[in-house]
Amino acid sequence: MLAPHIDPVALQIGPVAIHWYGLMYVAAFFLAWYLTKYQLIEQGAWNKSITSEQYEGLFTALILGVILGGRLGYIFFYNFAYYSSHPLEIFYVWQGGMSFHGGLIGPVIAGWWYCKKHGMPFMMLMDRFFVVAPLGLAFGRMGNFINGELWGRVVPNATDVPWAMIFPGAGPAPRHPSQLYEMALEGIVLFLILWFTRKKIWPNGMRVAIFLIGYGAARIFCENFREPDAHIGFLFGSITEGMLLSLPMIVIGAAWAYFLLRKK
């Protein structure tokens, strides 16, 4: 039986603590910056559709959108009662507590605003960012795993799931390492699908649609192994908050893909 216990603090320098969770975000942003620029150069859009200065500004806006949207999404979607009573803890992002769905809405709004302000092709650029977005999800789920949070459901028979783990703070029962399931499906697999189809001639916005469908389906599947947040639990039957928020993504993605293909 595996019992992972990783110190969430990667480096301590006096009173300053550098957390693995924060380093995951730094790594994700760096890869997104590099691989998106690589695609734009590969596509011949660099210095035509977007200049280096515009790219830096857009990327900064997207980072702020991810952080603000992800944090606010977690507060409003998952734990409003707690943070309304502990407002200072809203700023304790190193302790975890980021919502993917908020982290999706935030940068889309920020990106749309920045592109509109500077006359840049919003949907073409979003297509390229969404190709690499799953890598950010992969790093984020690894951060959840290191923090020992968002663990999976109890495994009734541990011999059926030899990779079941006992998480500190989750009791003595073996559980699914659902963070790693999500890292694999929402992150690595979805990234590979989008990356190896990045050269296909599709209407702008198609990769956004594929991302929405792929993430929504992967998240709903993984929710079957993930323990719902204790203060929320199951909404009705076996439906969780994560499922409820992800289902519209599949519907919107499918409708958007149909619209684009029909328009073409």
C-alpha atoms as a PDB file:
ATOM      1  CA  MET A   1       0.000   0.000   0.000  1.00  0.00           C
ATOM      2  CA  LEU A   2       1.419   3.361  -1.035  1.00  0.00           C
ATOM      3  CA  ALA A   3       1.413   6.184   1.489  1.00  0.00           C
ATOM      4  CA  PRO A   4       2.776   9.300  -0.252  1.00  0.00           C
ATOM      5  CA  HIS A   5       3.890  12.133   1.956  1.00  0.00           C
ATOM      6  CA  ILE A   6       5.701  14.940   0.167  1.00  0.00           C
ATOM      7  CA  ASP A   7       6.598  18.131   1.976  1.00  0.00           C
ATOM      8  CA  PRO A   8       4.567  20.847   0.194  1.00  0.00           C
ATOM      9  CA  VAL A   9       7.430  23.290   0.847  1.00  0.00           C
ATOM     10  CA  ALA A  10      10.105  22.827  -1.798  1.00  0.00           C
ATOM     11  CA  LEU A  11      12.566  25.318  -0.315  1.00  0.00           C
ATOM     12  CA  GLN A  12      12.693  27.295   2.916  1.00  0.00           C
ATOM     13  CA  ILE A  13      14.875  30.415   3.055  1.00  0.00           C
ATOM     14  CA  GLY A  14      14.458  31.960   6.467  1.00  0.00           C
ATOM     15  CA  PRO A  15      10.808  33.016   6.800  1.00  0.00           C
ATOM     16  CA  VAL A  16      10.244  32.647   3.040  1.00  0.00           C
ATOM     17  CA  ALA A  17       8.777  29.309   1.948  1.00  0.00           C
ATOM     18  CA  ILE A  18       8.661  28.286  -1.705  1.00  0.00           C
ATOM     19  CA  HIS A  19       5.860  25.770  -2.225  1.00  0.00           C
ATOM     20  CA  TRP A  20       5.761  23.022  -4.808  1.00  0.00           C
ATOM     21  CA  TYR A  21       2.237  24.148  -5.711  1.00  0.00           C
ATOM     22  CA  GLY A  22       3.547  27.554  -6.746  1.00  0.00           C
ATOM     23  CA  LEU A  23       6.435  26.012  -8.668  1.00  0.00           C
ATOM     24  CA  MET A  24       3.926  23.915 -10.613  1.00  0.00           C
ATOM     25  CA  TYR A  25       2.246  27.100 -11.779  1.00  0.00           C
ATOM     26  CA  VAL A  26       5.567  28.664 -12.752  1.00  0.00           C
ATOM     27  CA  ALA A  27       6.488  25.589 -14.805  1.00  0.00           C
ATOM     28  CA  ALA A  28       3.046  25.550 -16.448  1.00  0.00           C
ATOM     29  CA  PHE A  29       3.214  29.233 -17.406  1.00  0.00           C
ATOM     30  CA  PHE A  30       6.737  28.856 -18.801  1.00  0.00           C
ATOM     31  CA  LEU A  31       5.798  25.886 -20.992  1.00  0.00           C
ATOM     32  CA  ALA A  32       2.616  27.604 -22.168  1.00  0.00           C
ATOM     33  CA  TRP A  33       4.607  30.728 -23.086  1.00  0.00           C
ATOM     34  CA  TYR A  34       7.215  28.750 -25.041  1.00  0.00           C
ATOM     35  CA  LEU A  35       4.935  26.251 -26.814  1.00  0.00           C
ATOM     36  CA  THR A  36       2.352  28.850 -27.809  1.00  0.00           C
ATOM     37  CA  LYS A  37       5.059  31.061 -29.294  1.00  0.00           C
ATOM     38  CA  TYR A  38       6.462  27.988 -31.059  1.00  0.00           C
ATOM     39  CA  GLN A  39       3.070  27.365 -32.684  1.00  0.00           C
ATOM     40  CA  LEU A  40       2.711  30.981 -33.801  1.00  0.00           C
ATOM     41  CA  ILE A  41       6.163  30.929 -35.403  1.00  0.00           C
ATOM     42  CA  GLU A  42       5.392  27.554 -36.985  1.00  0.00           C
ATOM     43  CA  GLN A  43       2.116  28.952 -38.321  1.00  0.00           C
ATOM     44  CA  GLY A  44       3.798  32.051 -39.735  1.00  0.00           C
ATOM     45  CA  ALA A  45       1.726  34.342 -37.499  1.00  0.00           C
ATOM     46  CA  TRP A  46       4.619  35.683 -35.431  1.00  0.00           C
ATOM     47  CA  ASN A  47       5.235  39.383 -36.157  1.00  0.00           C
ATOM     48  CA  LYS A  48       2.251  39.320 -38.532  1.00  0.00           C
ATOM     49  CA  SER A  49      -0.816  38.644 -36.402  1.00  0.00           C
ATOM     50  CA  ILE A  50       1.015  39.372 -33.163  1.00  0.00           C
ATOM     51  CA  THR A  51       4.252  41.123 -32.235  1.00  0.00           C
ATOM     52  CA  SER A  52       6.596  40.202 -29.414  1.00  0.00           C
ATOM     53  CA  GLU A  53       5.396  43.160 -27.351  1.00  0.00           C
ATOM     54  CA  GLN A  54       1.740  42.254 -27.878  1.00  0.00           C
ATOM     55  CA  TYR A  55       2.459  38.652 -26.979  1.00  0.00           C
ATOM     56  CA  GLU A  56       4.055  39.602 -23.680  1.00  0.00           C
ATOM     57  CA  GLY A  57       1.118  41.827 -22.822  1.00  0.00           C
ATOM     58  CA  LEU A  58      -1.448  39.191 -23.789  1.00  0.00           C
ATOM     59  CA  PHE A  59       0.351  36.500 -21.824  1.00  0.00           C
ATOM     60  CA  THR A  60       0.478  38.716 -18.741  1.00  0.00           C
ATOM     61  CA  ALA A  61      -3.275  39.326 -19.046  1.00  0.00           C
ATOM     62  CA  LEU A  62      -3.912  35.585 -19.373  1.00  0.00           C
ATOM     63  CA  ILE A  63      -1.798  34.775 -16.287  1.00  0.00           C
ATOM     64  CA  LEU A  64      -3.748  37.305 -14.240  1.00  0.00           C
ATOM     65  CA  GLY A  65      -6.968  35.842 -15.618  1.00  0.00           C
ATOM     66  CA  VAL A  66      -5.955  32.306 -14.627  1.00  0.00           C
ATOM     67  CA  ILE A  67      -4.977  33.286 -11.083  1.00  0.00           C
ATOM     68  CA  LEU A  68      -7.898  35.607 -10.377  1.00  0.00           C
ATOM     69  CA  GLY A  69     -10.454  33.470 -12.166  1.00  0.00           C
ATOM     70  CA  GLY A  70      -9.220  30.244 -10.611  1.00  0.00           C
ATOM     71  CA  ARG A  71      -9.243  31.659  -7.102  1.00  0.00           C
ATOM     72  CA  LEU A  72     -12.577  33.428  -7.408  1.00  0.00           C
ATOM     73  CA  GLY A  73     -14.070  30.364  -9.061  1.00  0.00           C
ATOM     74  CA  TYR A  74     -13.044  28.206  -6.115  1.00  0.00           C
ATOM     75  CA  ILE A  75     -14.423  30.717  -3.648  1.00  0.00           C
ATOM     76  CA  PHE A  76     -17.802  31.129  -5.342  1.00  0.00           C
ATOM     77  CA  PHE A  77     -18.297  27.610  -6.750  1.00  0.00           C
ATOM     78  CA  TYR A  78     -16.926  25.539  -3.898  1.00  0.00           C
ATOM     79  CA  ASN A  79     -16.401  27.348  -0.597  1.00  0.00           C
ATOM     80  CA  PHE A  80     -18.135  30.717  -0.406  1.00  0.00           C
ATOM     81  CA  ALA A  81     -19.368  30.240   3.160  1.00  0.00           C
ATOM     82  CA  TYR A  82     -15.856  29.633   4.501  1.00  0.00           C
ATOM     83  CA  TYR A  83     -14.120  32.494   2.699  1.00  0.00           C
ATOM     84  CA  SER A  84     -16.875  34.959   3.511  1.00  0.00           C
ATOM     85  CA  SER A  85     -16.005  34.273   7.161  1.00  0.00           C
ATOM     86  CA  HIS A  86     -12.208  34.220   6.555  1.00  0.00           C
ATOM     87  CA  PRO A  87     -11.663  36.909   3.871  1.00  0.00           C
ATOM     88  CA  LEU A  88      -7.912  37.240   4.447  1.00  0.00           C
ATOM     89  CA  GLU A  89      -7.433  33.599   3.442  1.00  0.00           C
ATOM     90  CA  ILE A  90      -8.635  34.462  -0.051  1.00  0.00           C
ATOM     91  CA  PHE A  91      -5.057  35.574  -0.689  1.00  0.00           C
ATOM     92  CA  TYR A  92      -3.448  32.331   0.617  1.00  0.00           C
ATOM     93  CA  VAL A  93      -3.162  30.823  -2.864  1.00  0.00           C
ATOM     94  CA  TRP A  94      -0.085  28.791  -1.885  1.00  0.00           C
ATOM     95  CA  GLN A  95      -2.348  26.625   0.256  1.00  0.00           C
ATOM     96  CA  GLY A  96      -4.246  25.481  -2.831  1.00  0.00           C
ATOM     97  CA  GLY A  97      -7.863  26.173  -3.600  1.00  0.00           C
ATOM     98  CA  MET A  98      -8.108  26.956  -7.320  1.00  0.00           C
ATOM     99  CA  SER A  99     -11.082  26.096  -9.508  1.00  0.00           C
ATOM    100  CA  PHE A 100     -10.436  24.961 -13.058  1.00  0.00           C
ATOM    101  CA  HIS A 101     -13.743  26.319 -14.289  1.00  0.00           C
ATOM    102  CA  GLY A 102     -12.964  29.744 -12.854  1.00  0.00           C
ATOM    103  CA  GLY A 103      -9.434  29.428 -14.221  1.00  0.00           C
ATOM    104  CA  LEU A 104     -10.958  28.884 -17.663  1.00  0.00           C
ATOM    105  CA  ILE A 105     -13.415  31.773 -17.602  1.00  0.00           C
ATOM    106  CA  GLY A 106     -10.864  34.264 -16.243  1.00  0.00           C
ATOM    107  CA  PRO A 107      -8.258  34.086 -19.034  1.00  0.00           C
ATOM    108  CA  VAL A 108     -10.921  33.896 -21.762  1.00  0.00           C
ATOM    109  CA  ILE A 109     -12.366  37.200 -20.552  1.00  0.00           C
ATOM    110  CA  ALA A 110      -8.895  38.721 -20.089  1.00  0.00           C
ATOM    111  CA  GLY A 111      -7.754  37.477 -23.514  1.00  0.00           C
ATOM    112  CA  TRP A 112     -10.866  38.773 -25.256  1.00  0.00           C
ATOM    113  CA  TRP A 113     -10.460  42.196 -23.633  1.00  0.00           C
ATOM    114  CA  TYR A 114      -6.764  42.463 -24.508  1.00  0.00           C
ATOM    115  CA  CYS A 115      -7.220  41.288 -28.118  1.00  0.00           C
ATOM    116  CA  LYS A 116     -10.144  43.647 -28.676  1.00  0.00           C
ATOM    117  CA  LYS A 117      -8.176  46.556 -27.245  1.00  0.00           C
ATOM    118  CA  HIS A 118      -5.144  45.880 -29.459  1.00  0.00           C
ATOM    119  CA  GLY A 119      -6.905  44.670 -32.609  1.00  0.00           C
ATOM    120  CA  MET A 120      -5.565  41.094 -32.405  1.00  0.00           C
ATOM    121  CA  PRO A 121      -7.204  37.880 -33.746  1.00  0.00           C
ATOM    122  CA  PHE A 122      -8.734  36.575 -30.524  1.00  0.00           C
ATOM    123  CA  MET A 123     -10.007  33.179 -31.673  1.00  0.00           C
ATOM    124  CA  MET A 124      -6.864  32.264 -33.602  1.00  0.00           C
ATOM    125  CA  LEU A 125      -4.725  33.071 -30.579  1.00  0.00           C
ATOM    126  CA  MET A 126      -7.045  31.255 -28.183  1.00  0.00           C
ATOM    127  CA  ASP A 127      -6.794  28.173 -30.383  1.00  0.00           C
ATOM    128  CA  ARG A 128      -3.033  28.146 -29.878  1.00  0.00           C
ATOM    129  CA  PHE A 129      -3.219  28.735 -26.138  1.00  0.00           C
ATOM    130  CA  PHE A 130      -5.834  26.029 -25.686  1.00  0.00           C
ATOM    131  CA  VAL A 131      -3.532  23.501 -27.365  1.00  0.00           C
ATOM    132  CA  VAL A 132      -1.108  23.834 -24.449  1.00  0.00           C
ATOM    133  CA  ALA A 133      -3.634  24.570 -21.689  1.00  0.00           C
ATOM    134  CA  PRO A 134      -3.847  20.869 -20.672  1.00  0.00           C
ATOM    135  CA  LEU A 135      -0.203  20.996 -19.587  1.00  0.00           C
ATOM    136  CA  GLY A 136      -1.183  23.608 -17.014  1.00  0.00           C
ATOM    137  CA  LEU A 137      -3.868  21.228 -15.778  1.00  0.00           C
ATOM    138  CA  ALA A 138      -1.316  18.423 -15.513  1.00  0.00           C
ATOM    139  CA  PHE A 139       1.015  20.547 -13.395  1.00  0.00           C
ATOM    140  CA  GLY A 140      -1.888  21.750 -11.281  1.00  0.00           C
ATOM    141  CA  ARG A 141      -3.027  18.197 -10.519  1.00  0.00           C
ATOM    142  CA  MET A 142       0.524  17.259  -9.601  1.00  0.00           C
ATOM    143  CA  GLY A 143       0.457  20.187  -7.195  1.00  0.00           C
ATOM    144  CA  ASN A 144      -2.773  18.808  -5.684  1.00  0.00           C
ATOM    145  CA  PHE A 145      -1.098  15.422  -5.276  1.00  0.00           C
ATOM    146  CA  ILE A 146       1.958  16.909  -3.567  1.00  0.00           C
ATOM    147  CA  ASN A 147      -0.290  18.936  -1.259  1.00  0.00           C
ATOM    148  CA  GLY A 148      -2.197  15.766  -0.370  1.00  0.00           C
ATOM    149  CA  GLU A 149      -5.521  17.390  -1.318  1.00  0.00           C
ATOM    150  CA  LEU A 150      -8.473  16.506  -3.545  1.00  0.00           C
ATOM    151  CA  TRP A 151      -7.845  12.805  -2.965  1.00  0.00           C
ATOM    152  CA  GLY A 152      -9.925   9.991  -4.383  1.00  0.00           C
ATOM    153  CA  ARG A 153     -12.689   7.849  -2.985  1.00  0.00           C
ATOM    154  CA  VAL A 154     -12.087   4.912  -0.681  1.00  0.00           C
ATOM    155  CA  VAL A 155     -11.204   1.661  -2.444  1.00  0.00           C
ATOM    156  CA  PRO A 156     -13.426  -1.115  -0.990  1.00  0.00           C
ATOM    157  CA  ASN A 157     -10.954  -3.848  -1.897  1.00  0.00           C
ATOM    158  CA  ALA A 158      -7.374  -2.616  -2.063  1.00  0.00           C
ATOM    159  CA  THR A 159      -6.214  -5.774  -3.852  1.00  0.00           C
ATOM    160  CA  ASP A 160      -8.330  -4.713  -6.843  1.00  0.00           C
ATOM    161  CA  VAL A 161      -6.486  -1.395  -7.028  1.00  0.00           C
ATOM    162  CA  PRO A 162      -2.832  -2.115  -6.177  1.00  0.00           C
ATOM    163  CA  TRP A 163      -1.908   1.543  -6.735  1.00  0.00           C
ATOM    164  CA  ALA A 164      -4.381   2.728  -4.063  1.00  0.00           C
ATOM    165  CA  MET A 165      -2.851   5.190  -1.618  1.00  0.00           C
ATOM    166  CA  ILE A 166      -3.292   6.309   1.966  1.00  0.00           C
ATOM    167  CA  PHE A 167      -3.223  10.094   2.057  1.00  0.00           C
ATOM    168  CA  PRO A 168      -2.192  12.002   5.182  1.00  0.00           C
ATOM    169  CA  GLY A 169      -5.264  13.713   6.540  1.00  0.00           C
ATOM    170  CA  ALA A 170      -7.687  11.425   4.695  1.00  0.00           C
ATOM    171  CA  GLY A 171      -7.854   8.661   7.270  1.00  0.00           C
ATOM    172  CA  PRO A 172      -6.388   5.140   7.219  1.00  0.00           C
ATOM    173  CA  ALA A 173      -8.450   3.800   4.298  1.00  0.00           C
ATOM    174  CA  PRO A 174      -6.777   3.304   0.894  1.00  0.00           C
ATOM    175  CA  ARG A 175      -8.036   5.656  -1.789  1.00  0.00           C
ATOM    176  CA  HIS A 176      -7.844   6.220  -5.521  1.00  0.00           C
ATOM    177  CA  PRO A 177      -5.069   8.702  -6.412  1.00  0.00           C
ATOM    178  CA  SER A 178      -7.623  10.653  -8.426  1.00  0.00           C
ATOM    179  CA  GLN A 179      -5.268  13.635  -8.777  1.00  0.00           C
ATOM    180  CA  LEU A 180      -3.023  11.412 -10.939  1.00  0.00           C
ATOM    181  CA  TYR A 181      -5.984  10.168 -12.969  1.00  0.00           C
ATOM    182  CA  GLU A 182      -6.905  13.759 -13.713  1.00  0.00           C
ATOM    183  CA  MET A 183      -3.303  14.685 -14.453  1.00  0.00           C
ATOM    184  CA  ALA A 184      -3.165  11.882 -17.019  1.00  0.00           C
ATOM    185  CA  LEU A 185      -6.527  12.359 -18.748  1.00  0.00           C
ATOM    186  CA  GLU A 186      -7.290  16.070 -18.408  1.00  0.00           C
ATOM    187  CA  GLY A 187      -3.632  16.952 -18.796  1.00  0.00           C
ATOM    188  CA  ILE A 188      -1.303  14.655 -20.696  1.00  0.00           C
ATOM    189  CA  VAL A 189      -3.744  12.769 -22.944  1.00  0.00           C
ATOM    190  CA  LEU A 190      -5.718  15.873 -23.907  1.00  0.00           C
ATOM    191  CA  PHE A 191      -2.487  17.778 -24.586  1.00  0.00           C
ATOM    192  CA  LEU A 192      -1.183  15.031 -26.871  1.00  0.00           C
ATOM    193  CA  ILE A 193      -4.440  14.975 -28.835  1.00  0.00           C
ATOM    194  CA  LEU A 194      -4.357  18.725 -29.369  1.00  0.00           C
ATOM    195  CA  TRP A 195      -0.603  18.932 -29.975  1.00  0.00           C
ATOM    196  CA  PHE A 196      -0.480  16.246 -32.656  1.00  0.00           C
ATOM    197  CA  THR A 197      -3.462  17.760 -34.481  1.00  0.00           C
ATOM    198  CA  ARG A 198      -2.205  21.335 -34.267  1.00  0.00           C
ATOM    199  CA  LYS A 199      -1.286  21.445 -37.996  1.00  0.00           C
ATOM    200  CA  LYS A 200      -4.679  20.328 -39.244  1.00  0.00           C
ATOM    201  CA  ILE A 201      -6.557  22.902 -41.271  1.00  0.00           C
ATOM    202  CA  TRP A 202      -9.545  23.661 -39.072  1.00  0.00           C
ATOM    203  CA  PRO A 203     -11.619  26.821 -38.589  1.00  0.00           C
ATOM    204  CA  ASN A 204     -10.365  29.086 -35.842  1.00  0.00           C
ATOM    205  CA  GLY A 205     -11.988  28.013 -32.613  1.00  0.00           C
ATOM    206  CA  MET A 206     -12.106  24.278 -33.375  1.00  0.00           C
ATOM    207  CA  ARG A 207      -9.305  23.506 -30.932  1.00  0.00           C
ATOM    208  CA  VAL A 208     -11.147  25.427 -28.242  1.00  0.00           C
ATOM    209  CA  ALA A 209     -14.168  23.227 -28.932  1.00  0.00           C
ATOM    210  CA  ILE A 210     -12.075  20.043 -28.769  1.00  0.00           C
ATOM    211  CA  PHE A 211     -10.571  21.186 -25.488  1.00  0.00           C
ATOM    212  CA  LEU A 212     -14.006  21.858 -23.982  1.00  0.00           C
ATOM    213  CA  ILE A 213     -15.334  18.455 -25.046  1.00  0.00           C
ATOM    214  CA  GLY A 214     -12.175  16.582 -24.035  1.00  0.00           C
ATOM    215  CA  TYR A 215     -11.806  18.224 -20.667  1.00  0.00           C
ATOM    216  CA  GLY A 216     -15.486  17.933 -19.819  1.00  0.00           C
ATOM    217  CA  ALA A 217     -15.552  14.226 -20.637  1.00  0.00           C
ATOM    218  CA  ALA A 218     -12.291  13.497 -18.786  1.00  0.00           C
ATOM    219  CA  ARG A 219     -13.369  15.451 -15.711  1.00  0.00           C
ATOM    220  CA  ILE A 220     -16.756  13.745 -15.490  1.00  0.00           C
ATOM    221  CA  PHE A 221     -15.076  10.337 -15.782  1.00  0.00           C
ATOM    222  CA  CYS A 222     -12.492  11.156 -13.106  1.00  0.00           C
ATOM    223  CA  GLU A 223     -15.158  12.541 -10.766  1.00  0.00           C
ATOM    224  CA  ASN A 224     -16.351   8.941 -10.364  1.00  0.00           C
ATOM    225  CA  PHE A 225     -13.110   8.242  -8.490  1.00  0.00           C
ATOM    226  CA  ARG A 226     -12.664  11.577  -6.717  1.00  0.00           C
ATOM    227  CA  GLU A 227     -13.987  12.225  -3.222  1.00  0.00           C
ATOM    228  CA  PRO A 228     -16.378  15.206  -3.312  1.00  0.00           C
ATOM    229  CA  ASP A 229     -15.433  18.142  -1.130  1.00  0.00           C
ATOM    230  CA  ALA A 230     -16.622  17.386   2.406  1.00  0.00           C
ATOM    231  CA  HIS A 231     -18.586  20.630   2.728  1.00  0.00           C
ATOM    232  CA  ILE A 232     -20.411  19.985  -0.566  1.00  0.00           C
ATOM    233  CA  GLY A 233     -20.719  16.212  -0.942  1.00  0.00           C
ATOM    234  CA  PHE A 234     -22.947  14.773  -3.659  1.00  0.00           C
ATOM    235  CA  LEU A 235     -25.485  17.183  -5.086  1.00  0.00           C
ATOM    236  CA  PHE A 236     -28.043  14.507  -5.934  1.00  0.00           C
ATOM    237  CA  GLY A 237     -27.540  10.781  -6.460  1.00  0.00           C
ATOM    238  CA  SER A 238     -23.949  10.310  -7.578  1.00  0.00           C
ATOM    239  CA  ILE A 239     -23.693  13.736  -9.233  1.00  0.00           C
ATOM    240  CA  THR A 240     -20.919  16.010  -7.985  1.00  0.00           C
ATOM    241  CA  GLU A 241     -20.238  19.713  -8.348  1.00  0.00           C
ATOM    242  CA  GLY A 242     -17.391  18.949 -10.760  1.00  0.00           C
ATOM    243  CA  MET A 243     -19.706  16.915 -12.996  1.00  0.00           C
ATOM    244  CA  LEU A 244     -22.354  19.602 -12.977  1.00  0.00           C
ATOM    245  CA  LEU A 245     -19.853  22.299 -13.981  1.00  0.00           C
ATOM    246  CA  SER A 246     -18.247  20.113 -16.674  1.00  0.00           C
ATOM    247  CA  LEU A 247     -21.360  18.926 -18.486  1.00  0.00           C
ATOM    248  CA  PRO A 248     -22.089  22.362 -20.033  1.00  0.00           C
ATOM    249  CA  MET A 249     -18.523  22.369 -21.384  1.00  0.00           C
ATOM    250  CA  ILE A 250     -19.264  19.274 -23.464  1.00  0.00           C
ATOM    251  CA  VAL A 251     -22.555  20.729 -24.706  1.00  0.00           C
ATOM    252  CA  ILE A 252     -21.007  24.113 -25.567  1.00  0.00           C
ATOM    253  CA  GLY A 253     -17.955  22.491 -27.171  1.00  0.00           C
ATOM    254  CA  ALA A 254     -20.053  20.155 -29.318  1.00  0.00           C
ATOM    255  CA  ALA A 255     -22.415  22.956 -30.375  1.00  0.00           C
ATOM    256  CA  TRP A 256     -19.462  25.224 -31.175  1.00  0.00           C
ATOM    257  CA  ALA A 257     -17.733  22.513 -33.247  1.00  0.00           C
ATOM    258  CA  TYR A 258     -20.973  21.836 -35.156  1.00  0.00           C
ATOM    259  CA  PHE A 259     -21.408  25.548 -35.843  1.00  0.00           C
ATOM    260  CA  LEU A 260     -17.827  25.907 -37.114  1.00  0.00           C
ATOM    261  CA  LEU A 261     -17.993  22.866 -39.373  1.00  0.00           C
ATOM    262  CA  ARG A 262     -21.376  23.857 -40.766  1.00  0.00           C
ATOM    263  CA  LYS A 263     -20.184  27.401 -41.344  1.00  0.00           C
ATOM    264  CA  LYS A 264     -17.157  26.081 -43.201  1.00  0.00           C
END
